[in-house]
Amino acid sequence: MSETDLSPEEIELVRTYVDIPPGLAMGRIDVQRAKIAKAVGGWFRKEGQGLYKIITERHRRIR
């Protein structure tokens, strides 16, 4: 699945709540993780395909 398979709203949600390093694709699982992060007030860092680190800090460092 590629980023183009996601709606603009889903892409924005993922960009807000999931830190994805260069070289890793955005997909449907990232949308699910973003919804969870939004609900609990945290965010996720994608470490690899299907691997995520849960970040519980309230404030995310701006890149």
N, C-alpha and C. Protein backbone atom coordinates (compact mmCIF):
# COMPACT_ATOMS: atom_id res chain seq x y z
N MET A 1 0.85 -1.18 0.00
CA MET A 1 0.00 0.00 0.00
C MET A 1 0.89 1.23 0.00
N SER A 2 0.51 2.19 -0.76
CA SER A 2 1.30 3.41 -0.83
C SER A 2 0.52 4.57 -0.23
N GLU A 3 1.22 5.66 -0.07
CA GLU A 3 0.60 6.87 0.47
C GLU A 3 -0.58 7.33 -0.39
N THR A 4 -0.53 7.05 -1.68
CA THR A 4 -1.61 7.49 -2.57
C THR A 4 -2.90 6.71 -2.32
N ASP A 5 -2.82 5.56 -1.62
CA ASP A 5 -4.02 4.80 -1.30
C ASP A 5 -4.76 5.37 -0.09
N LEU A 6 -4.17 6.35 0.56
CA LEU A 6 -4.76 6.96 1.75
C LEU A 6 -5.42 8.29 1.38
N SER A 7 -6.46 8.64 2.13
CA SER A 7 -7.12 9.92 1.89
C SER A 7 -6.22 11.05 2.41
N PRO A 8 -6.44 12.27 1.94
CA PRO A 8 -5.65 13.41 2.44
C PRO A 8 -5.77 13.56 3.96
N GLU A 9 -6.94 13.27 4.52
CA GLU A 9 -7.14 13.37 5.96
C GLU A 9 -6.31 12.31 6.70
N GLU A 10 -6.26 11.09 6.14
CA GLU A 10 -5.47 10.03 6.75
C GLU A 10 -3.98 10.35 6.69
N ILE A 11 -3.53 10.89 5.59
CA ILE A 11 -2.12 11.26 5.45
C ILE A 11 -1.75 12.32 6.48
N GLU A 12 -2.59 13.31 6.65
CA GLU A 12 -2.33 14.37 7.63
C GLU A 12 -2.33 13.81 9.05
N LEU A 13 -3.24 12.90 9.35
CA LEU A 13 -3.30 12.27 10.66
C LEU A 13 -2.01 11.50 10.95
N VAL A 14 -1.54 10.73 9.98
CA VAL A 14 -0.30 9.97 10.15
C VAL A 14 0.88 10.91 10.32
N ARG A 15 0.96 11.95 9.53
CA ARG A 15 2.08 12.90 9.65
C ARG A 15 2.11 13.58 11.01
N THR A 16 0.95 13.72 11.63
CA THR A 16 0.86 14.37 12.93
C THR A 16 1.23 13.43 14.07
N TYR A 17 0.85 12.17 13.99
CA TYR A 17 0.98 11.26 15.12
C TYR A 17 1.96 10.10 14.95
N VAL A 18 2.55 9.94 13.78
CA VAL A 18 3.51 8.85 13.57
C VAL A 18 4.76 9.42 12.91
N ASP A 19 5.89 9.26 13.59
CA ASP A 19 7.16 9.71 13.06
C ASP A 19 7.70 8.61 12.16
N ILE A 20 7.76 8.86 10.86
CA ILE A 20 8.21 7.86 9.89
C ILE A 20 9.51 8.35 9.27
N PRO A 21 10.61 7.60 9.48
CA PRO A 21 11.89 8.03 8.91
C PRO A 21 11.91 7.86 7.39
N PRO A 22 12.81 8.56 6.72
CA PRO A 22 12.93 8.42 5.27
C PRO A 22 13.19 6.96 4.88
N GLY A 23 12.61 6.55 3.78
CA GLY A 23 12.82 5.20 3.29
C GLY A 23 11.73 4.22 3.68
N LEU A 24 10.88 4.58 4.65
CA LEU A 24 9.77 3.72 5.03
C LEU A 24 8.47 4.30 4.49
N ALA A 25 7.63 3.42 3.95
CA ALA A 25 6.38 3.86 3.34
C ALA A 25 5.29 4.05 4.39
N MET A 26 4.36 4.92 4.10
CA MET A 26 3.19 5.16 4.93
C MET A 26 2.08 4.21 4.46
N GLY A 27 1.37 3.60 5.41
CA GLY A 27 0.32 2.66 5.02
C GLY A 27 -0.84 2.63 5.99
N ARG A 28 -1.71 1.69 5.79
CA ARG A 28 -2.95 1.57 6.57
C ARG A 28 -2.67 1.34 8.06
N ILE A 29 -1.64 0.56 8.39
CA ILE A 29 -1.31 0.32 9.81
C ILE A 29 -0.90 1.63 10.47
N ASP A 30 -0.22 2.50 9.73
CA ASP A 30 0.16 3.80 10.27
C ASP A 30 -1.07 4.63 10.61
N VAL A 31 -2.12 4.51 9.81
CA VAL A 31 -3.37 5.22 10.09
C VAL A 31 -3.96 4.70 11.41
N GLN A 32 -3.95 3.39 11.60
CA GLN A 32 -4.45 2.81 12.85
C GLN A 32 -3.65 3.31 14.04
N ARG A 33 -2.33 3.31 13.91
CA ARG A 33 -1.47 3.78 15.00
C ARG A 33 -1.74 5.26 15.29
N ALA A 34 -1.94 6.06 14.24
CA ALA A 34 -2.20 7.49 14.42
C ALA A 34 -3.51 7.70 15.19
N LYS A 35 -4.53 6.93 14.89
CA LYS A 35 -5.81 7.05 15.59
C LYS A 35 -5.66 6.68 17.06
N ILE A 36 -4.86 5.65 17.35
CA ILE A 36 -4.61 5.27 18.75
C ILE A 36 -3.87 6.40 19.47
N ALA A 37 -2.82 6.91 18.84
CA ALA A 37 -2.03 7.98 19.44
C ALA A 37 -2.88 9.21 19.71
N LYS A 38 -3.74 9.56 18.79
CA LYS A 38 -4.62 10.72 18.96
C LYS A 38 -5.55 10.49 20.15
N ALA A 39 -6.06 9.29 20.29
CA ALA A 39 -7.01 8.98 21.35
C ALA A 39 -6.37 9.04 22.74
N VAL A 40 -5.10 8.64 22.85
CA VAL A 40 -4.46 8.58 24.16
C VAL A 40 -3.50 9.73 24.44
N GLY A 41 -3.26 10.57 23.45
CA GLY A 41 -2.43 11.74 23.66
C GLY A 41 -0.93 11.52 23.50
N GLY A 42 -0.53 10.47 22.81
CA GLY A 42 0.89 10.22 22.57
C GLY A 42 1.18 10.22 21.08
N TRP A 43 2.22 9.50 20.70
CA TRP A 43 2.56 9.33 19.30
C TRP A 43 3.41 8.10 19.14
N PHE A 44 3.62 7.67 17.92
CA PHE A 44 4.41 6.49 17.60
C PHE A 44 5.61 6.88 16.75
N ARG A 45 6.68 6.14 16.91
CA ARG A 45 7.83 6.26 16.01
C ARG A 45 7.94 4.93 15.27
N LYS A 46 7.88 4.99 13.95
CA LYS A 46 8.00 3.79 13.13
C LYS A 46 9.48 3.45 13.03
N GLU A 47 9.84 2.27 13.53
CA GLU A 47 11.24 1.86 13.57
C GLU A 47 11.61 0.96 12.40
N GLY A 48 10.64 0.37 11.77
CA GLY A 48 10.84 -0.53 10.64
C GLY A 48 9.47 -0.94 10.13
N GLN A 49 9.44 -1.73 9.07
CA GLN A 49 8.16 -2.16 8.53
C GLN A 49 7.43 -3.00 9.58
N GLY A 50 6.33 -2.48 10.12
CA GLY A 50 5.55 -3.19 11.13
C GLY A 50 6.09 -3.06 12.55
N LEU A 51 7.17 -2.31 12.75
CA LEU A 51 7.76 -2.12 14.08
C LEU A 51 7.58 -0.68 14.53
N TYR A 52 6.98 -0.50 15.71
CA TYR A 52 6.69 0.84 16.22
C TYR A 52 7.16 0.98 17.65
N LYS A 53 7.59 2.16 18.01
CA LYS A 53 7.92 2.48 19.39
C LYS A 53 6.84 3.44 19.89
N ILE A 54 6.30 3.14 21.05
CA ILE A 54 5.27 4.00 21.64
C ILE A 54 5.96 5.11 22.42
N ILE A 55 5.61 6.34 22.14
CA ILE A 55 6.16 7.49 22.83
C ILE A 55 5.05 8.09 23.69
N THR A 56 5.30 8.17 24.98
CA THR A 56 4.25 8.63 25.89
C THR A 56 4.43 10.09 26.32
N GLU A 57 5.48 10.71 25.85
CA GLU A 57 5.68 12.13 26.18
C GLU A 57 4.54 12.95 25.60
N ARG A 58 4.15 13.96 26.30
CA ARG A 58 3.04 14.79 25.84
C ARG A 58 3.44 15.65 24.64
N HIS A 59 4.66 16.12 24.64
CA HIS A 59 5.08 17.03 23.57
C HIS A 59 6.11 16.35 22.68
N ARG A 60 5.85 16.38 21.41
CA ARG A 60 6.76 15.79 20.44
C ARG A 60 7.74 16.85 19.96
N ARG A 61 8.97 16.44 19.83
CA ARG A 61 10.01 17.34 19.34
C ARG A 61 9.73 17.71 17.89
N ILE A 62 9.76 18.96 17.55
CA ILE A 62 9.53 19.44 16.19
C ILE A 62 10.81 19.20 15.38
N ARG A 63 10.64 18.64 14.20
CA ARG A 63 11.81 18.38 13.34
C ARG A 63 12.32 19.62 12.71
